[in-house]
Amino acid sequence: MSLLTEDALTLPQAARELPGKPNPSTLWRWTVRGIGGQKLETIKIGSKVFTTRQALSRFIERTQEPVRS
């Protein structure tokens, strides 16, 4: 993840971007515990934690179960 080439968001901003607007604590949990062994990429600058739109997309893609037909 590179803040210089990707669209940086704080966790509350990222939560507002997602469908259903999950609580920012949910994104924090994805950062710390992850889902199925996959964690949300973040970077801490000072006291603020950032992720990116692109990191959110990668996380969602990695955590989705394949569609069974």
Protein backbone atom coordinates (compact mmCIF):
# COMPACT_ATOMS: atom_id res chain seq x y z
CA MET A 1 0.00 0.00 0.00
CA SER A 2 1.37 3.39 -0.93
CA LEU A 3 -0.24 6.59 0.28
CA LEU A 4 1.55 8.44 -2.50
CA THR A 5 -0.12 6.48 -5.31
CA GLU A 6 -3.43 5.44 -3.69
CA ASP A 7 -6.42 7.38 -2.30
CA ALA A 8 -5.86 7.67 1.48
CA LEU A 9 -8.78 7.56 3.92
CA THR A 10 -9.05 7.49 7.69
CA LEU A 11 -10.99 4.49 9.00
CA PRO A 12 -14.14 6.60 9.67
CA GLN A 13 -13.94 8.00 6.12
CA ALA A 14 -13.46 4.50 4.71
CA ALA A 15 -16.47 3.20 6.69
CA ARG A 16 -18.66 5.90 5.13
CA GLU A 17 -17.52 4.80 1.65
CA LEU A 18 -18.73 1.21 2.10
CA PRO A 19 -22.28 -0.03 1.48
CA GLY A 20 -24.22 -0.23 4.72
CA LYS A 21 -21.79 2.22 6.34
CA PRO A 22 -20.25 -0.13 8.94
CA ASN A 23 -19.03 1.31 12.21
CA PRO A 24 -15.37 2.43 12.06
CA SER A 25 -14.67 -0.09 14.83
CA THR A 26 -15.52 -2.82 12.31
CA LEU A 27 -12.73 -1.58 10.04
CA TRP A 28 -10.39 -1.50 13.05
CA ARG A 29 -11.31 -5.14 13.75
CA TRP A 30 -10.57 -6.01 10.10
CA THR A 31 -7.16 -4.36 10.61
CA VAL A 32 -6.33 -6.18 13.85
CA ARG A 33 -8.06 -9.58 13.50
CA GLY A 34 -8.94 -9.76 9.83
CA ILE A 35 -11.41 -12.13 8.20
CA GLY A 36 -10.33 -15.64 7.26
CA GLY A 37 -6.66 -14.77 7.75
CA GLN A 38 -6.88 -11.63 5.59
CA LYS A 39 -6.29 -8.22 7.22
CA LEU A 40 -7.14 -4.75 5.97
CA GLU A 41 -3.96 -2.91 4.98
CA THR A 42 -3.37 0.23 7.04
CA ILE A 43 -0.62 2.67 7.89
CA LYS A 44 -0.30 4.75 11.04
CA ILE A 45 0.92 8.32 10.79
CA GLY A 46 1.19 9.96 14.18
CA SER A 47 -1.99 9.01 16.02
CA LYS A 48 -4.11 8.50 12.89
CA VAL A 49 -4.66 5.22 11.06
CA PHE A 50 -5.16 5.32 7.30
CA THR A 51 -6.19 2.84 4.65
CA THR A 52 -6.90 3.45 0.97
CA ARG A 53 -9.81 2.89 -1.39
CA GLN A 54 -7.63 0.45 -3.28
CA ALA A 55 -6.72 -1.46 -0.07
CA LEU A 56 -10.44 -1.74 0.75
CA SER A 57 -11.10 -3.19 -2.71
CA ARG A 58 -8.27 -5.70 -2.34
CA PHE A 59 -9.51 -6.71 1.14
CA ILE A 60 -13.09 -7.21 -0.07
CA GLU A 61 -11.92 -9.26 -3.07
CA ARG A 62 -9.72 -11.49 -0.86
CA THR A 63 -12.46 -12.12 1.69
CA GLN A 64 -15.32 -12.96 -0.67
CA GLU A 65 -16.31 -16.58 -1.03
CA PRO A 66 -16.45 -17.84 -4.61
CA VAL A 67 -19.96 -17.88 -6.05
CA ARG A 68 -21.23 -21.44 -6.41
CA SER A 69 -23.56 -22.22 -9.29
